[in-house]
Amino acid sequence: MFTQRHLLALAVLIAPLAANAAERLTVTVSHDLDAARPSETISIPWADVNRALPNALIQHIVVKDAAGHVLPYQVTNVAPLSKDPKNIGVAYGELLFQHSFNVGQKSASFTVEKTEALEPVFPVKAYARYVQERLDDFAWENDRIAHRIYGPALAAPAPAGSGKEVLETSGIDIWFKRVDYPIVDRWYNKGHDHYHKDEGEGLDMYNVSQSRGAGGTGVWAGGKLYTSGNWKSWKVLANGPVRAVF
């Protein structure tokens, strides 16, 4: 997911430990909506995880639901809280995982445990990258849809006879997906003429041009719309199975 819908009310409980029991953090998540809430992202500050599970490392934890199913998780480090010179696992940001609430399900419980095993890399469902090979595009996607915005190279004047496209807009393009796996790299590899045709995975079906596309920025003033141009710089902060931040 790129954005988190209605925030969930989180209550973090530390389960009592018996002698020689494995260290465990119990998380109970509740909400007050009647509707189903698929793929809700649950975010826990890593400081809370580290407090309950001292010396926990991101590659040596496991997240489970109440039925004992192992859940894909992600640990971000967008703004490092501290350095970790003693290698005790304190320098992370958030622990992220997801749960789909059924209609009428108002709460769910999860456990976070340390493990000696090396946890697997989970399939990526949220991904963002700078696309240097295509005139400074920046593209991002989740398992349902993909987007892109245009960079400075596309807005630069075209050399005589080059045939280069010139487009200045902050409109957000939409790529419609038929599949749930990542397609950004695959479609750019196929080339511009191909991803405008549905060859089985979906397509780029809209021409953004000077429009706002799927939510480009603009300000109304004096009865006129003033819009921003192409982005000037980029930075990817997180890519993972749950959330992409850029």
C-alpha atoms as a PDB file:
ATOM      1  CA  MET A   1       0.000   0.000   0.000  1.00  0.00           C
ATOM      2  CA  PHE A   2       1.163   3.560  -0.622  1.00  0.00           C
ATOM      3  CA  THR A   3      -1.204   5.281   1.783  1.00  0.00           C
ATOM      4  CA  GLN A   4      -2.957   4.155   4.909  1.00  0.00           C
ATOM      5  CA  ARG A   5      -6.727   4.544   5.034  1.00  0.00           C
ATOM      6  CA  HIS A   6      -8.624   5.325   8.262  1.00  0.00           C
ATOM      7  CA  LEU A   7      -6.113   4.965  11.054  1.00  0.00           C
ATOM      8  CA  LEU A   8      -6.485   1.946  13.261  1.00  0.00           C
ATOM      9  CA  ALA A   9      -6.532   2.262  17.038  1.00  0.00           C
ATOM     10  CA  LEU A  10      -3.546   0.286  18.262  1.00  0.00           C
ATOM     11  CA  ALA A  11      -3.077  -1.227  21.678  1.00  0.00           C
ATOM     12  CA  VAL A  12       0.318  -2.847  22.207  1.00  0.00           C
ATOM     13  CA  LEU A  13       0.453  -5.428  24.983  1.00  0.00           C
ATOM     14  CA  ILE A  14       3.466  -7.381  26.201  1.00  0.00           C
ATOM     15  CA  ALA A  15       2.534 -10.977  27.036  1.00  0.00           C
ATOM     16  CA  PRO A  16       3.752 -12.239  30.415  1.00  0.00           C
ATOM     17  CA  LEU A  17       6.734 -14.551  30.043  1.00  0.00           C
ATOM     18  CA  ALA A  18       7.117 -17.888  31.747  1.00  0.00           C
ATOM     19  CA  ALA A  19      10.553 -19.123  32.703  1.00  0.00           C
ATOM     20  CA  ASN A  20      12.578 -19.948  29.583  1.00  0.00           C
ATOM     21  CA  ALA A  21       9.672 -18.818  27.364  1.00  0.00           C
ATOM     22  CA  ALA A  22      10.438 -17.147  24.059  1.00  0.00           C
ATOM     23  CA  GLU A  23      10.265 -13.346  24.126  1.00  0.00           C
ATOM     24  CA  ARG A  24       7.020 -12.238  22.538  1.00  0.00           C
ATOM     25  CA  LEU A  25       5.205  -8.990  21.801  1.00  0.00           C
ATOM     26  CA  THR A  26       1.416  -9.244  21.553  1.00  0.00           C
ATOM     27  CA  VAL A  27      -0.337  -6.632  19.411  1.00  0.00           C
ATOM     28  CA  THR A  28      -4.101  -6.112  19.472  1.00  0.00           C
ATOM     29  CA  VAL A  29      -5.628  -3.963  16.744  1.00  0.00           C
ATOM     30  CA  SER A  30      -9.190  -2.634  16.955  1.00  0.00           C
ATOM     31  CA  HIS A  31     -11.463  -0.364  14.940  1.00  0.00           C
ATOM     32  CA  ASP A  32     -15.091   0.806  15.025  1.00  0.00           C
ATOM     33  CA  LEU A  33     -16.228   0.523  11.392  1.00  0.00           C
ATOM     34  CA  ASP A  34     -18.841  -1.987  10.260  1.00  0.00           C
ATOM     35  CA  ALA A  35     -17.371  -2.458   6.770  1.00  0.00           C
ATOM     36  CA  ALA A  36     -14.773  -4.974   5.681  1.00  0.00           C
ATOM     37  CA  ARG A  37     -11.253  -3.526   5.595  1.00  0.00           C
ATOM     38  CA  PRO A  38      -9.004  -5.487   3.245  1.00  0.00           C
ATOM     39  CA  SER A  39      -5.224  -5.198   3.451  1.00  0.00           C
ATOM     40  CA  GLU A  40      -5.103  -2.695   6.310  1.00  0.00           C
ATOM     41  CA  THR A  41      -1.548  -1.651   7.118  1.00  0.00           C
ATOM     42  CA  ILE A  42      -0.616  -1.910  10.788  1.00  0.00           C
ATOM     43  CA  SER A  43       2.312   0.219  11.903  1.00  0.00           C
ATOM     44  CA  ILE A  44       4.202  -0.250  15.178  1.00  0.00           C
ATOM     45  CA  PRO A  45       7.113   1.986  16.202  1.00  0.00           C
ATOM     46  CA  TRP A  46      10.256  -0.104  16.290  1.00  0.00           C
ATOM     47  CA  ALA A  47      11.052   1.430  19.676  1.00  0.00           C
ATOM     48  CA  ASP A  48       8.072  -0.517  21.080  1.00  0.00           C
ATOM     49  CA  VAL A  49       9.290  -3.723  19.455  1.00  0.00           C
ATOM     50  CA  ASN A  50      12.814  -3.207  20.769  1.00  0.00           C
ATOM     51  CA  ARG A  51      11.493  -2.470  24.257  1.00  0.00           C
ATOM     52  CA  ALA A  52       9.581  -5.762  24.340  1.00  0.00           C
ATOM     53  CA  LEU A  53      12.170  -7.758  22.382  1.00  0.00           C
ATOM     54  CA  PRO A  54      15.622  -6.411  23.275  1.00  0.00           C
ATOM     55  CA  ASN A  55      18.273  -6.969  20.613  1.00  0.00           C
ATOM     56  CA  ALA A  56      15.683  -8.028  18.017  1.00  0.00           C
ATOM     57  CA  LEU A  57      17.017  -7.777  14.465  1.00  0.00           C
ATOM     58  CA  ILE A  58      14.851  -7.241  11.400  1.00  0.00           C
ATOM     59  CA  GLN A  59      15.989 -10.450   9.693  1.00  0.00           C
ATOM     60  CA  HIS A  60      15.386 -12.532  12.852  1.00  0.00           C
ATOM     61  CA  ILE A  61      11.765 -11.829  13.796  1.00  0.00           C
ATOM     62  CA  VAL A  62       8.507 -13.480  12.810  1.00  0.00           C
ATOM     63  CA  VAL A  63       5.006 -11.932  12.782  1.00  0.00           C
ATOM     64  CA  LYS A  64       2.026 -14.272  13.226  1.00  0.00           C
ATOM     65  CA  ASP A  65      -1.727 -13.829  13.311  1.00  0.00           C
ATOM     66  CA  ALA A  66      -3.984 -15.427  15.938  1.00  0.00           C
ATOM     67  CA  ALA A  67      -4.158 -18.654  13.918  1.00  0.00           C
ATOM     68  CA  GLY A  68      -0.368 -18.934  13.829  1.00  0.00           C
ATOM     69  CA  HIS A  69      -0.009 -17.979  10.163  1.00  0.00           C
ATOM     70  CA  VAL A  70       3.267 -16.213   9.356  1.00  0.00           C
ATOM     71  CA  LEU A  71       2.625 -12.755   7.888  1.00  0.00           C
ATOM     72  CA  PRO A  72       4.794 -10.764   5.474  1.00  0.00           C
ATOM     73  CA  TYR A  73       6.319  -7.791   7.264  1.00  0.00           C
ATOM     74  CA  GLN A  74       8.549  -4.834   6.551  1.00  0.00           C
ATOM     75  CA  VAL A  75      10.798  -2.741   8.778  1.00  0.00           C
ATOM     76  CA  THR A  76      11.418   0.780   7.554  1.00  0.00           C
ATOM     77  CA  ASN A  77      14.274   3.142   8.349  1.00  0.00           C
ATOM     78  CA  VAL A  78      13.046   6.333   6.690  1.00  0.00           C
ATOM     79  CA  ALA A  79      14.441   8.607   9.405  1.00  0.00           C
ATOM     80  CA  PRO A  80      16.893   6.565  11.489  1.00  0.00           C
ATOM     81  CA  LEU A  81      16.251   7.111  15.177  1.00  0.00           C
ATOM     82  CA  SER A  82      19.828   6.407  16.165  1.00  0.00           C
ATOM     83  CA  LYS A  83      23.002   4.696  15.142  1.00  0.00           C
ATOM     84  CA  ASP A  84      23.496   1.108  16.249  1.00  0.00           C
ATOM     85  CA  PRO A  85      27.222   0.753  17.057  1.00  0.00           C
ATOM     86  CA  LYS A  86      26.586  -2.086  19.528  1.00  0.00           C
ATOM     87  CA  ASN A  87      24.563  -4.039  16.947  1.00  0.00           C
ATOM     88  CA  ILE A  88      21.534  -4.395  19.234  1.00  0.00           C
ATOM     89  CA  GLY A  89      18.861  -3.509  16.675  1.00  0.00           C
ATOM     90  CA  VAL A  90      17.668  -0.099  17.860  1.00  0.00           C
ATOM     91  CA  ALA A  91      18.105   2.000  14.733  1.00  0.00           C
ATOM     92  CA  TYR A  92      14.933   1.207  12.782  1.00  0.00           C
ATOM     93  CA  GLY A  93      11.705   3.134  12.262  1.00  0.00           C
ATOM     94  CA  GLU A  94       8.502   1.104  12.004  1.00  0.00           C
ATOM     95  CA  LEU A  95       7.370  -2.494  11.828  1.00  0.00           C
ATOM     96  CA  LEU A  96       4.673  -2.847   9.145  1.00  0.00           C
ATOM     97  CA  PHE A  97       2.365  -5.734   8.327  1.00  0.00           C
ATOM     98  CA  GLN A  98      -1.194  -6.131   7.030  1.00  0.00           C
ATOM     99  CA  HIS A  99      -4.490  -7.720   7.987  1.00  0.00           C
ATOM    100  CA  SER A 100      -7.823  -7.993   6.169  1.00  0.00           C
ATOM    101  CA  PHE A 101     -10.761  -7.407   8.500  1.00  0.00           C
ATOM    102  CA  ASN A 102     -13.982  -9.190   7.615  1.00  0.00           C
ATOM    103  CA  VAL A 103     -17.372  -7.516   8.026  1.00  0.00           C
ATOM    104  CA  GLY A 104     -18.116  -7.352  11.742  1.00  0.00           C
ATOM    105  CA  GLN A 105     -14.554  -8.212  12.799  1.00  0.00           C
ATOM    106  CA  LYS A 106     -13.668  -5.334  15.128  1.00  0.00           C
ATOM    107  CA  SER A 107     -10.345  -6.548  16.475  1.00  0.00           C
ATOM    108  CA  ALA A 108      -7.447  -8.878  15.735  1.00  0.00           C
ATOM    109  CA  SER A 109      -4.371 -10.004  17.642  1.00  0.00           C
ATOM    110  CA  PHE A 110      -0.855 -10.725  16.449  1.00  0.00           C
ATOM    111  CA  THR A 111       2.458 -11.767  17.920  1.00  0.00           C
ATOM    112  CA  VAL A 112       5.981 -10.642  17.109  1.00  0.00           C
ATOM    113  CA  GLU A 113       8.722 -13.023  18.191  1.00  0.00           C
ATOM    114  CA  LYS A 114      12.463 -13.298  17.868  1.00  0.00           C
ATOM    115  CA  THR A 115      13.718 -16.309  15.960  1.00  0.00           C
ATOM    116  CA  GLU A 116      17.103 -17.891  15.346  1.00  0.00           C
ATOM    117  CA  ALA A 117      16.106 -18.666  11.775  1.00  0.00           C
ATOM    118  CA  LEU A 118      16.783 -16.210   8.970  1.00  0.00           C
ATOM    119  CA  GLU A 119      13.366 -15.016   7.849  1.00  0.00           C
ATOM    120  CA  PRO A 120      12.659 -15.177   4.086  1.00  0.00           C
ATOM    121  CA  VAL A 121      12.358 -12.178   1.818  1.00  0.00           C
ATOM    122  CA  PHE A 122       8.650 -11.681   1.158  1.00  0.00           C
ATOM    123  CA  PRO A 123       7.251 -10.912  -2.323  1.00  0.00           C
ATOM    124  CA  VAL A 124       7.220  -7.173  -2.987  1.00  0.00           C
ATOM    125  CA  LYS A 125       3.779  -5.569  -3.378  1.00  0.00           C
ATOM    126  CA  ALA A 126       4.857  -1.922  -3.155  1.00  0.00           C
ATOM    127  CA  TYR A 127       7.700  -0.619  -5.314  1.00  0.00           C
ATOM    128  CA  ALA A 128       9.045   2.724  -6.528  1.00  0.00           C
ATOM    129  CA  ARG A 129      12.002   3.728  -8.669  1.00  0.00           C
ATOM    130  CA  TYR A 130      13.591   6.438 -10.771  1.00  0.00           C
ATOM    131  CA  VAL A 131      13.443   5.413 -14.436  1.00  0.00           C
ATOM    132  CA  GLN A 132      16.554   6.917 -15.987  1.00  0.00           C
ATOM    133  CA  GLU A 133      16.138   4.950 -19.206  1.00  0.00           C
ATOM    134  CA  ARG A 134      12.891   6.760 -20.060  1.00  0.00           C
ATOM    135  CA  LEU A 135      13.539  10.526 -19.870  1.00  0.00           C
ATOM    136  CA  ASP A 136      13.538  10.742 -16.063  1.00  0.00           C
ATOM    137  CA  ASP A 137      10.208   9.116 -15.317  1.00  0.00           C
ATOM    138  CA  PHE A 138       9.534   8.202 -11.717  1.00  0.00           C
ATOM    139  CA  ALA A 139       7.217   5.200 -11.339  1.00  0.00           C
ATOM    140  CA  TRP A 140       5.574   3.394  -8.435  1.00  0.00           C
ATOM    141  CA  GLU A 141       3.105   0.557  -8.018  1.00  0.00           C
ATOM    142  CA  ASN A 142       1.339  -1.795  -5.653  1.00  0.00           C
ATOM    143  CA  ASP A 143      -0.376  -5.101  -6.373  1.00  0.00           C
ATOM    144  CA  ARG A 144      -3.418  -3.354  -7.903  1.00  0.00           C
ATOM    145  CA  ILE A 145      -2.266  -0.319  -9.907  1.00  0.00           C
ATOM    146  CA  ALA A 146       0.804   1.611 -11.065  1.00  0.00           C
ATOM    147  CA  HIS A 147       1.571   5.312 -11.550  1.00  0.00           C
ATOM    148  CA  ARG A 148       4.290   7.531 -12.924  1.00  0.00           C
ATOM    149  CA  ILE A 149       5.232  11.202 -13.003  1.00  0.00           C
ATOM    150  CA  TYR A 150       7.533  13.036 -15.400  1.00  0.00           C
ATOM    151  CA  GLY A 151      10.986  14.408 -14.688  1.00  0.00           C
ATOM    152  CA  PRO A 152      13.214  17.231 -15.968  1.00  0.00           C
ATOM    153  CA  ALA A 153      14.564  15.360 -19.000  1.00  0.00           C
ATOM    154  CA  LEU A 154      11.072  15.133 -20.529  1.00  0.00           C
ATOM    155  CA  ALA A 155      10.545  18.881 -20.066  1.00  0.00           C
ATOM    156  CA  ALA A 156      13.896  19.849 -21.594  1.00  0.00           C
ATOM    157  CA  PRO A 157      13.849  21.365 -25.111  1.00  0.00           C
ATOM    158  CA  ALA A 158      14.238  18.893 -27.955  1.00  0.00           C
ATOM    159  CA  PRO A 159      17.431  19.161 -30.047  1.00  0.00           C
ATOM    160  CA  ALA A 160      16.709  19.870 -33.682  1.00  0.00           C
ATOM    161  CA  GLY A 161      15.792  16.708 -35.567  1.00  0.00           C
ATOM    162  CA  SER A 162      15.806  14.518 -32.468  1.00  0.00           C
ATOM    163  CA  GLY A 163      12.080  13.800 -32.429  1.00  0.00           C
ATOM    164  CA  LYS A 164      12.208  13.957 -28.626  1.00  0.00           C
ATOM    165  CA  GLU A 165       8.891  14.427 -26.848  1.00  0.00           C
ATOM    166  CA  VAL A 166       8.648  17.563 -24.701  1.00  0.00           C
ATOM    167  CA  LEU A 167       6.081  17.531 -21.900  1.00  0.00           C
ATOM    168  CA  GLU A 168       5.885  19.791 -18.871  1.00  0.00           C
ATOM    169  CA  THR A 169       3.293  18.621 -16.373  1.00  0.00           C
ATOM    170  CA  SER A 170       2.962  17.363 -12.818  1.00  0.00           C
ATOM    171  CA  GLY A 171      -0.043  15.238 -13.791  1.00  0.00           C
ATOM    172  CA  ILE A 172       0.048  11.691 -12.463  1.00  0.00           C
ATOM    173  CA  ASP A 173      -0.226   8.906 -15.021  1.00  0.00           C
ATOM    174  CA  ILE A 174      -2.138   5.665 -14.365  1.00  0.00           C
ATOM    175  CA  TRP A 175      -1.131   2.206 -15.501  1.00  0.00           C
ATOM    176  CA  PHE A 176      -3.923  -0.326 -15.174  1.00  0.00           C
ATOM    177  CA  LYS A 177      -2.839  -3.807 -14.106  1.00  0.00           C
ATOM    178  CA  ARG A 178      -4.523  -7.163 -14.728  1.00  0.00           C
ATOM    179  CA  VAL A 179      -1.964  -8.939 -12.525  1.00  0.00           C
ATOM    180  CA  ASP A 180      -0.852  -8.627  -8.905  1.00  0.00           C
ATOM    181  CA  TYR A 181       2.908  -8.938  -9.467  1.00  0.00           C
ATOM    182  CA  PRO A 182       5.243  -5.964 -10.173  1.00  0.00           C
ATOM    183  CA  ILE A 183       5.118  -4.750 -13.780  1.00  0.00           C
ATOM    184  CA  VAL A 184       6.997  -1.427 -13.818  1.00  0.00           C
ATOM    185  CA  ASP A 185      10.351  -2.942 -14.787  1.00  0.00           C
ATOM    186  CA  ARG A 186       8.715  -5.374 -17.221  1.00  0.00           C
ATOM    187  CA  TRP A 187       6.778  -2.673 -19.077  1.00  0.00           C
ATOM    188  CA  TYR A 188       9.651  -0.232 -19.357  1.00  0.00           C
ATOM    189  CA  ASN A 189      11.764  -3.086 -20.702  1.00  0.00           C
ATOM    190  CA  LYS A 190       9.109  -3.780 -23.369  1.00  0.00           C
ATOM    191  CA  GLY A 191       9.220  -0.177 -24.535  1.00  0.00           C
ATOM    192  CA  HIS A 192       6.878   2.772 -24.993  1.00  0.00           C
ATOM    193  CA  ASP A 193       4.920   1.375 -27.946  1.00  0.00           C
ATOM    194  CA  HIS A 194       4.130  -1.864 -26.124  1.00  0.00           C
ATOM    195  CA  TYR A 195       2.850  -0.660 -22.750  1.00  0.00           C
ATOM    196  CA  HIS A 196       0.186   1.411 -24.521  1.00  0.00           C
ATOM    197  CA  LYS A 197      -1.316  -1.893 -25.721  1.00  0.00           C
ATOM    198  CA  ASP A 198      -2.788  -4.570 -23.492  1.00  0.00           C
ATOM    199  CA  GLU A 199      -0.620  -7.636 -24.073  1.00  0.00           C
ATOM    200  CA  GLY A 200      -2.112  -9.561 -21.152  1.00  0.00           C
ATOM    201  CA  GLU A 201      -0.877  -7.674 -18.082  1.00  0.00           C
ATOM    202  CA  GLY A 202      -2.724  -4.369 -18.568  1.00  0.00           C
ATOM    203  CA  LEU A 203      -1.730  -1.066 -20.158  1.00  0.00           C
ATOM    204  CA  ASP A 204      -1.170   2.668 -19.938  1.00  0.00           C
ATOM    205  CA  MET A 205      -4.523   3.784 -21.361  1.00  0.00           C
ATOM    206  CA  TYR A 206      -4.579   7.530 -20.650  1.00  0.00           C
ATOM    207  CA  ASN A 207      -2.734  10.472 -22.189  1.00  0.00           C
ATOM    208  CA  VAL A 208      -1.973  12.807 -19.292  1.00  0.00           C
ATOM    209  CA  SER A 209      -0.720  15.677 -21.465  1.00  0.00           C
ATOM    210  CA  GLN A 210      -1.397  18.954 -19.608  1.00  0.00           C
ATOM    211  CA  SER A 211      -4.151  17.502 -17.400  1.00  0.00           C
ATOM    212  CA  ARG A 212      -3.834  16.756 -13.679  1.00  0.00           C
ATOM    213  CA  GLY A 213      -4.119  13.052 -14.413  1.00  0.00           C
ATOM    214  CA  ALA A 214      -4.788  11.073 -11.239  1.00  0.00           C
ATOM    215  CA  GLY A 215      -4.241  13.968  -8.865  1.00  0.00           C
ATOM    216  CA  GLY A 216      -1.407  16.254  -9.976  1.00  0.00           C
ATOM    217  CA  THR A 217      -1.061  19.450  -7.955  1.00  0.00           C
ATOM    218  CA  GLY A 218      -2.601  22.785  -8.870  1.00  0.00           C
ATOM    219  CA  VAL A 219      -3.824  25.999  -7.205  1.00  0.00           C
ATOM    220  CA  TRP A 220      -6.928  27.969  -8.188  1.00  0.00           C
ATOM    221  CA  ALA A 221      -6.393  31.737  -7.897  1.00  0.00           C
ATOM    222  CA  GLY A 222      -8.351  34.535  -9.574  1.00  0.00           C
ATOM    223  CA  GLY A 223     -10.378  32.055 -11.604  1.00  0.00           C
ATOM    224  CA  LYS A 224      -7.260  30.440 -13.074  1.00  0.00           C
ATOM    225  CA  LEU A 225      -5.530  27.112 -12.407  1.00  0.00           C
ATOM    226  CA  TYR A 226      -1.802  27.386 -11.719  1.00  0.00           C
ATOM    227  CA  THR A 227       0.020  24.068 -11.942  1.00  0.00           C
ATOM    228  CA  SER A 228       3.479  22.898 -10.997  1.00  0.00           C
ATOM    229  CA  GLY A 229       5.906  21.520 -13.519  1.00  0.00           C
ATOM    230  CA  ASN A 230       7.877  18.285 -13.656  1.00  0.00           C
ATOM    231  CA  TRP A 231       9.591  17.081 -10.505  1.00  0.00           C
ATOM    232  CA  LYS A 232      13.129  18.377  -9.884  1.00  0.00           C
ATOM    233  CA  SER A 233      14.677  15.737  -7.626  1.00  0.00           C
ATOM    234  CA  TRP A 234      13.887  12.310  -6.211  1.00  0.00           C
ATOM    235  CA  LYS A 235      14.792   9.965  -3.380  1.00  0.00           C
ATOM    236  CA  VAL A 236      13.527   6.459  -2.579  1.00  0.00           C
ATOM    237  CA  LEU A 237      13.197   5.955   1.195  1.00  0.00           C
ATOM    238  CA  ALA A 238      11.617   2.499   1.371  1.00  0.00           C
ATOM    239  CA  ASN A 239      10.640  -0.378  -0.894  1.00  0.00           C
ATOM    240  CA  GLY A 240       9.057  -3.435   0.535  1.00  0.00           C
ATOM    241  CA  PRO A 241       6.258  -5.942   0.641  1.00  0.00           C
ATOM    242  CA  VAL A 242       3.946  -3.520   2.471  1.00  0.00           C
ATOM    243  CA  ARG A 243       4.857   0.104   1.744  1.00  0.00           C
ATOM    244  CA  ALA A 244       6.894   2.191  -0.692  1.00  0.00           C
ATOM    245  CA  VAL A 245       8.004   5.665   0.401  1.00  0.00           C
ATOM    246  CA  PHE A 246       9.654   8.171  -1.927  1.00  0.00           C
END
